[in-house]
Amino acid sequence: MADVVKEQGLVREASVARKTNETDIQLTYNVDGTGISEIETDVPFLNHMLDLFTKHGQFDLNVVARGDVDIDDHHTVEDIGICLGQTLQQALGDKKGIKRYASVFVPMDEALAQVVIDLSNRPHFEYRAQYPSQQVGSFSTELVHEFLWKFALEARMTLHVIMHYGQNTHHMIEAIFKALGRALDEATSIDPRVQGVPSTKGVL
């Protein structure tokens, strides 16, 4: 896919810097990468999930983030989701030629996750996941919802996340992030059959 994009002279990459009283983040996202990630945040579990997301989506992602984790991880996780969504929205531009939709199942041992995406420019988020534990190490599982919702909102996409079943909380969240990467890889792919924007409206 990266070769097709290069042939068309497209550069689908964006960077954002976000600094507040709570966080300081620099993030660069290349949609047509090779699965290379450089992730440096104060939230180790999120580092692991973003690395999985990048590898399975074949993106390139560079994140440096510092936040008020002495309070908790909430602001850092939320703001990284915001920045990631903003860069995806910017990188895709007018979305001409993209497939737009994707639905991906990913198993992780006993867990099975499904992620369904529409790069519609209409932000909406549906989340069906219940975990056996409220924590993975020091990471609160409620922050998965926070990250995904802010990502979908800023990327202006419809995102449905369904955890069909699982017993190990780490496995369940890992399956979600892998599925998210693979679904976005498919939805952002250029389809040479698509003329202009994939919508009867003529715009996304």
C-alpha atoms as a PDB file:
ATOM      1  CA  MET A   1       0.000   0.000   0.000  1.00  0.00           C
ATOM      2  CA  ALA A   2       2.875   2.364   0.751  1.00  0.00           C
ATOM      3  CA  ASP A   3       4.101   1.855  -2.836  1.00  0.00           C
ATOM      4  CA  VAL A   4       0.703   2.822  -4.267  1.00  0.00           C
ATOM      5  CA  VAL A   5       0.636   5.960  -2.152  1.00  0.00           C
ATOM      6  CA  LYS A   6       4.168   6.902  -3.205  1.00  0.00           C
ATOM      7  CA  GLU A   7       3.288   6.410  -6.875  1.00  0.00           C
ATOM      8  CA  GLN A   8       0.386   8.834  -6.429  1.00  0.00           C
ATOM      9  CA  GLY A   9       2.639  11.360  -4.712  1.00  0.00           C
ATOM     10  CA  LEU A  10       0.691  11.252  -1.449  1.00  0.00           C
ATOM     11  CA  VAL A  11       2.254  11.914   1.931  1.00  0.00           C
ATOM     12  CA  ARG A  12      -0.173  10.767   4.586  1.00  0.00           C
ATOM     13  CA  GLU A  13       1.640  11.913   7.698  1.00  0.00           C
ATOM     14  CA  ALA A  14       0.902  14.533  10.319  1.00  0.00           C
ATOM     15  CA  SER A  15       2.371  15.860  13.546  1.00  0.00           C
ATOM     16  CA  VAL A  16       0.825  17.617  16.498  1.00  0.00           C
ATOM     17  CA  ALA A  17       2.110  19.178  19.685  1.00  0.00           C
ATOM     18  CA  ARG A  18      -0.221  19.630  22.647  1.00  0.00           C
ATOM     19  CA  LYS A  19       0.843  21.316  25.867  1.00  0.00           C
ATOM     20  CA  THR A  20      -1.510  21.963  28.767  1.00  0.00           C
ATOM     21  CA  ASN A  21      -1.131  22.359  32.517  1.00  0.00           C
ATOM     22  CA  GLU A  22      -1.613  18.570  32.694  1.00  0.00           C
ATOM     23  CA  THR A  23       0.317  17.126  29.746  1.00  0.00           C
ATOM     24  CA  ASP A  24       3.049  17.860  27.212  1.00  0.00           C
ATOM     25  CA  ILE A  25       2.814  15.712  24.059  1.00  0.00           C
ATOM     26  CA  GLN A  26       4.553  15.548  20.686  1.00  0.00           C
ATOM     27  CA  LEU A  27       3.133  12.970  18.277  1.00  0.00           C
ATOM     28  CA  THR A  28       3.822  12.080  14.636  1.00  0.00           C
ATOM     29  CA  TYR A  29       1.691   9.529  12.773  1.00  0.00           C
ATOM     30  CA  ASN A  30       2.504   8.116   9.324  1.00  0.00           C
ATOM     31  CA  VAL A  31      -0.440   6.154   7.947  1.00  0.00           C
ATOM     32  CA  ASP A  32       1.705   4.440   5.301  1.00  0.00           C
ATOM     33  CA  GLY A  33       4.595   3.283   7.435  1.00  0.00           C
ATOM     34  CA  THR A  34       6.257  -0.040   8.116  1.00  0.00           C
ATOM     35  CA  GLY A  35       5.219  -0.752  11.696  1.00  0.00           C
ATOM     36  CA  ILE A  36       7.946   1.252  13.425  1.00  0.00           C
ATOM     37  CA  SER A  37       7.117   2.840  16.759  1.00  0.00           C
ATOM     38  CA  GLU A  38       9.028   5.072  19.139  1.00  0.00           C
ATOM     39  CA  ILE A  39       6.802   5.434  22.179  1.00  0.00           C
ATOM     40  CA  GLU A  40       7.906   7.244  25.307  1.00  0.00           C
ATOM     41  CA  THR A  41       5.188   8.056  27.821  1.00  0.00           C
ATOM     42  CA  ASP A  42       4.733   7.825  31.579  1.00  0.00           C
ATOM     43  CA  VAL A  43       2.119   5.058  31.150  1.00  0.00           C
ATOM     44  CA  PRO A  44       3.930   1.741  30.458  1.00  0.00           C
ATOM     45  CA  PHE A  45       0.822  -0.274  29.599  1.00  0.00           C
ATOM     46  CA  LEU A  46      -0.283   2.326  27.042  1.00  0.00           C
ATOM     47  CA  ASN A  47       3.226   2.245  25.538  1.00  0.00           C
ATOM     48  CA  HIS A  48       2.766  -1.481  25.006  1.00  0.00           C
ATOM     49  CA  MET A  49      -0.700  -1.059  23.463  1.00  0.00           C
ATOM     50  CA  LEU A  50       0.448   1.720  21.092  1.00  0.00           C
ATOM     51  CA  ASP A  51       3.375  -0.429  20.008  1.00  0.00           C
ATOM     52  CA  LEU A  52       0.955  -3.263  19.157  1.00  0.00           C
ATOM     53  CA  PHE A  53      -1.388  -0.859  17.368  1.00  0.00           C
ATOM     54  CA  THR A  54       1.483   0.461  15.241  1.00  0.00           C
ATOM     55  CA  LYS A  55       2.911  -2.948  14.361  1.00  0.00           C
ATOM     56  CA  HIS A  56      -0.398  -4.496  13.364  1.00  0.00           C
ATOM     57  CA  GLY A  57      -1.527  -1.401  11.445  1.00  0.00           C
ATOM     58  CA  GLN A  58       1.796  -1.044   9.618  1.00  0.00           C
ATOM     59  CA  PHE A  59       1.936   2.613  10.651  1.00  0.00           C
ATOM     60  CA  ASP A  60       4.892   4.634  11.882  1.00  0.00           C
ATOM     61  CA  LEU A  61       4.223   6.331  15.210  1.00  0.00           C
ATOM     62  CA  ASN A  62       6.410   8.558  17.333  1.00  0.00           C
ATOM     63  CA  VAL A  63       5.064   9.685  20.706  1.00  0.00           C
ATOM     64  CA  VAL A  64       6.790  11.593  23.488  1.00  0.00           C
ATOM     65  CA  ALA A  65       4.423  12.411  26.329  1.00  0.00           C
ATOM     66  CA  ARG A  66       4.763  13.660  29.871  1.00  0.00           C
ATOM     67  CA  GLY A  67       1.810  14.109  32.180  1.00  0.00           C
ATOM     68  CA  ASP A  68       0.597  14.455  35.739  1.00  0.00           C
ATOM     69  CA  VAL A  69       0.693  10.721  36.450  1.00  0.00           C
ATOM     70  CA  ASP A  70       1.361  11.539  40.085  1.00  0.00           C
ATOM     71  CA  ILE A  71      -2.384  12.239  40.134  1.00  0.00           C
ATOM     72  CA  ASP A  72      -3.325   9.354  37.823  1.00  0.00           C
ATOM     73  CA  ASP A  73      -2.925   8.274  34.176  1.00  0.00           C
ATOM     74  CA  HIS A  74      -6.187   9.795  32.986  1.00  0.00           C
ATOM     75  CA  HIS A  75      -4.998  13.089  31.474  1.00  0.00           C
ATOM     76  CA  THR A  76      -2.018  11.509  29.694  1.00  0.00           C
ATOM     77  CA  VAL A  77      -4.062   8.685  28.152  1.00  0.00           C
ATOM     78  CA  GLU A  78      -6.892  11.026  27.153  1.00  0.00           C
ATOM     79  CA  ASP A  79      -4.594  13.611  25.553  1.00  0.00           C
ATOM     80  CA  ILE A  80      -2.632  11.013  23.604  1.00  0.00           C
ATOM     81  CA  GLY A  81      -5.950   9.769  22.193  1.00  0.00           C
ATOM     82  CA  ILE A  82      -6.798  13.353  21.221  1.00  0.00           C
ATOM     83  CA  CYS A  83      -3.441  13.872  19.507  1.00  0.00           C
ATOM     84  CA  LEU A  84      -3.572  10.545  17.680  1.00  0.00           C
ATOM     85  CA  GLY A  85      -7.045  11.331  16.364  1.00  0.00           C
ATOM     86  CA  GLN A  86      -6.029  14.794  15.209  1.00  0.00           C
ATOM     87  CA  THR A  87      -3.035  13.477  13.289  1.00  0.00           C
ATOM     88  CA  LEU A  88      -5.100  10.741  11.609  1.00  0.00           C
ATOM     89  CA  GLN A  89      -7.701  13.289  10.512  1.00  0.00           C
ATOM     90  CA  GLN A  90      -5.014  15.610   9.144  1.00  0.00           C
ATOM     91  CA  ALA A  91      -3.026  12.839   7.444  1.00  0.00           C
ATOM     92  CA  LEU A  92      -6.029  11.503   5.516  1.00  0.00           C
ATOM     93  CA  GLY A  93      -6.940  14.912   4.076  1.00  0.00           C
ATOM     94  CA  ASP A  94      -9.975  14.730   1.771  1.00  0.00           C
ATOM     95  CA  LYS A  95      -9.986  10.898   1.997  1.00  0.00           C
ATOM     96  CA  LYS A  96     -10.103  10.448  -1.773  1.00  0.00           C
ATOM     97  CA  GLY A  97      -9.590   6.854  -2.868  1.00  0.00           C
ATOM     98  CA  ILE A  98      -9.728   5.236   0.575  1.00  0.00           C
ATOM     99  CA  LYS A  99     -11.688   2.080   1.321  1.00  0.00           C
ATOM    100  CA  ARG A 100     -13.352   3.924   4.235  1.00  0.00           C
ATOM    101  CA  TYR A 101     -14.843   0.858   5.994  1.00  0.00           C
ATOM    102  CA  ALA A 102     -13.306  -2.085   7.824  1.00  0.00           C
ATOM    103  CA  SER A 103     -14.341  -4.853  10.185  1.00  0.00           C
ATOM    104  CA  VAL A 104     -11.646  -6.955  11.846  1.00  0.00           C
ATOM    105  CA  PHE A 105     -11.711  -9.802  14.380  1.00  0.00           C
ATOM    106  CA  VAL A 106      -8.563 -10.537  16.368  1.00  0.00           C
ATOM    107  CA  PRO A 107      -8.132 -13.402  18.841  1.00  0.00           C
ATOM    108  CA  MET A 108      -5.652 -13.243  21.694  1.00  0.00           C
ATOM    109  CA  ASP A 109      -5.586 -16.699  23.213  1.00  0.00           C
ATOM    110  CA  GLU A 110      -9.010 -17.041  24.910  1.00  0.00           C
ATOM    111  CA  ALA A 111     -10.144 -13.500  24.058  1.00  0.00           C
ATOM    112  CA  LEU A 112     -11.866 -12.359  20.863  1.00  0.00           C
ATOM    113  CA  ALA A 113     -12.180  -8.681  19.908  1.00  0.00           C
ATOM    114  CA  GLN A 114     -13.908  -7.022  16.958  1.00  0.00           C
ATOM    115  CA  VAL A 115     -13.319  -3.490  15.702  1.00  0.00           C
ATOM    116  CA  VAL A 116     -15.545  -1.921  13.029  1.00  0.00           C
ATOM    117  CA  ILE A 117     -14.642   1.434  11.455  1.00  0.00           C
ATOM    118  CA  ASP A 118     -16.207   3.981   9.137  1.00  0.00           C
ATOM    119  CA  LEU A 119     -13.972   6.955   8.306  1.00  0.00           C
ATOM    120  CA  SER A 120     -17.138   8.942   7.829  1.00  0.00           C
ATOM    121  CA  ASN A 121     -16.220  12.364   9.217  1.00  0.00           C
ATOM    122  CA  ARG A 122     -19.085  11.730  11.663  1.00  0.00           C
ATOM    123  CA  PRO A 123     -17.632  10.899  15.078  1.00  0.00           C
ATOM    124  CA  HIS A 124     -19.471   8.153  16.943  1.00  0.00           C
ATOM    125  CA  PHE A 125     -18.276   5.548  19.431  1.00  0.00           C
ATOM    126  CA  GLU A 126     -19.875   2.320  20.608  1.00  0.00           C
ATOM    127  CA  TYR A 127     -18.069   0.205  23.189  1.00  0.00           C
ATOM    128  CA  ARG A 128     -19.086  -3.248  24.373  1.00  0.00           C
ATOM    129  CA  ALA A 129     -16.426  -4.549  26.748  1.00  0.00           C
ATOM    130  CA  GLN A 130     -16.474  -5.841  30.295  1.00  0.00           C
ATOM    131  CA  TYR A 131     -13.262  -6.944  31.972  1.00  0.00           C
ATOM    132  CA  PRO A 132     -12.674  -9.420  34.803  1.00  0.00           C
ATOM    133  CA  SER A 133     -10.312  -6.933  36.477  1.00  0.00           C
ATOM    134  CA  GLN A 134     -10.448  -3.161  36.872  1.00  0.00           C
ATOM    135  CA  GLN A 135      -6.657  -2.927  36.707  1.00  0.00           C
ATOM    136  CA  VAL A 136      -3.827  -4.287  34.557  1.00  0.00           C
ATOM    137  CA  GLY A 137      -0.812  -3.605  36.721  1.00  0.00           C
ATOM    138  CA  SER A 138      -1.249   0.057  37.623  1.00  0.00           C
ATOM    139  CA  PHE A 139      -3.371   0.795  34.528  1.00  0.00           C
ATOM    140  CA  SER A 140      -7.105   1.343  35.010  1.00  0.00           C
ATOM    141  CA  THR A 141      -9.222  -0.487  32.426  1.00  0.00           C
ATOM    142  CA  GLU A 142     -11.719   2.409  32.269  1.00  0.00           C
ATOM    143  CA  LEU A 143      -9.001   4.377  30.453  1.00  0.00           C
ATOM    144  CA  VAL A 144      -9.356   2.097  27.412  1.00  0.00           C
ATOM    145  CA  HIS A 145     -12.783   3.629  26.829  1.00  0.00           C
ATOM    146  CA  GLU A 146     -11.422   7.127  27.426  1.00  0.00           C
ATOM    147  CA  PHE A 147      -8.590   6.687  24.923  1.00  0.00           C
ATOM    148  CA  LEU A 148     -10.730   5.108  22.200  1.00  0.00           C
ATOM    149  CA  TRP A 149     -13.561   7.636  22.542  1.00  0.00           C
ATOM    150  CA  LYS A 150     -11.231  10.633  22.277  1.00  0.00           C
ATOM    151  CA  PHE A 151      -9.383   9.005  19.368  1.00  0.00           C
ATOM    152  CA  ALA A 152     -12.658   8.441  17.475  1.00  0.00           C
ATOM    153  CA  LEU A 153     -13.917  11.931  18.264  1.00  0.00           C
ATOM    154  CA  GLU A 154     -10.807  13.755  17.047  1.00  0.00           C
ATOM    155  CA  ALA A 155     -10.335  11.486  14.030  1.00  0.00           C
ATOM    156  CA  ARG A 156     -14.023  12.100  13.200  1.00  0.00           C
ATOM    157  CA  MET A 157     -14.701   8.433  12.615  1.00  0.00           C
ATOM    158  CA  THR A 158     -17.392   5.979  13.599  1.00  0.00           C
ATOM    159  CA  LEU A 159     -15.780   3.342  15.799  1.00  0.00           C
ATOM    160  CA  HIS A 160     -17.437   0.226  17.212  1.00  0.00           C
ATOM    161  CA  VAL A 161     -15.434  -1.937  19.617  1.00  0.00           C
ATOM    162  CA  ILE A 162     -16.881  -5.267  20.697  1.00  0.00           C
ATOM    163  CA  MET A 163     -15.192  -7.657  23.092  1.00  0.00           C
ATOM    164  CA  HIS A 164     -17.017 -10.894  22.398  1.00  0.00           C
ATOM    165  CA  TYR A 165     -15.454 -12.842  25.258  1.00  0.00           C
ATOM    166  CA  GLY A 166     -12.305 -13.351  27.271  1.00  0.00           C
ATOM    167  CA  GLN A 167     -10.971 -14.222  30.702  1.00  0.00           C
ATOM    168  CA  ASN A 168      -7.649 -12.390  30.936  1.00  0.00           C
ATOM    169  CA  THR A 169      -7.943  -8.599  31.015  1.00  0.00           C
ATOM    170  CA  HIS A 170      -4.517  -8.016  29.473  1.00  0.00           C
ATOM    171  CA  HIS A 171      -5.352 -10.354  26.587  1.00  0.00           C
ATOM    172  CA  MET A 172      -8.704  -8.670  26.008  1.00  0.00           C
ATOM    173  CA  ILE A 173      -7.296  -5.138  25.785  1.00  0.00           C
ATOM    174  CA  GLU A 174      -4.389  -6.326  23.663  1.00  0.00           C
ATOM    175  CA  ALA A 175      -6.804  -7.923  21.189  1.00  0.00           C
ATOM    176  CA  ILE A 176      -8.688  -4.613  20.926  1.00  0.00           C
ATOM    177  CA  PHE A 177      -5.587  -2.596  20.087  1.00  0.00           C
ATOM    178  CA  LYS A 178      -4.375  -5.156  17.546  1.00  0.00           C
ATOM    179  CA  ALA A 179      -7.801  -5.178  15.899  1.00  0.00           C
ATOM    180  CA  LEU A 180      -7.875  -1.374  15.909  1.00  0.00           C
ATOM    181  CA  GLY A 181      -4.564  -1.209  14.074  1.00  0.00           C
ATOM    182  CA  ARG A 182      -5.567  -3.793  11.493  1.00  0.00           C
ATOM    183  CA  ALA A 183      -8.982  -2.229  10.909  1.00  0.00           C
ATOM    184  CA  LEU A 184      -7.491   1.230  10.401  1.00  0.00           C
ATOM    185  CA  ASP A 185      -4.896  -0.190   8.038  1.00  0.00           C
ATOM    186  CA  GLU A 186      -7.705  -1.612   5.900  1.00  0.00           C
ATOM    187  CA  ALA A 187     -10.014   1.423   6.101  1.00  0.00           C
ATOM    188  CA  THR A 188      -7.240   3.878   5.189  1.00  0.00           C
ATOM    189  CA  SER A 189      -5.979   1.755   2.294  1.00  0.00           C
ATOM    190  CA  ILE A 190      -6.201   3.227  -1.176  1.00  0.00           C
ATOM    191  CA  ASP A 191      -8.514   1.303  -3.507  1.00  0.00           C
ATOM    192  CA  PRO A 192      -7.623   2.071  -7.147  1.00  0.00           C
ATOM    193  CA  ARG A 193     -11.238   1.371  -8.149  1.00  0.00           C
ATOM    194  CA  VAL A 194     -12.521   4.251  -6.018  1.00  0.00           C
ATOM    195  CA  GLN A 195     -12.960   7.448  -7.980  1.00  0.00           C
ATOM    196  CA  GLY A 196     -12.827  10.462  -5.700  1.00  0.00           C
ATOM    197  CA  VAL A 197     -14.425  10.159  -2.286  1.00  0.00           C
ATOM    198  CA  PRO A 198     -16.212   6.883  -1.345  1.00  0.00           C
ATOM    199  CA  SER A 199     -19.582   8.523  -0.672  1.00  0.00           C
ATOM    200  CA  THR A 200     -22.645   9.361  -2.753  1.00  0.00           C
ATOM    201  CA  LYS A 201     -22.553  12.768  -1.046  1.00  0.00           C
ATOM    202  CA  GLY A 202     -19.302  13.553  -2.854  1.00  0.00           C
ATOM    203  CA  VAL A 203     -17.576  14.525   0.380  1.00  0.00           C
ATOM    204  CA  LEU A 204     -16.594  12.967   3.684  1.00  0.00           C
END
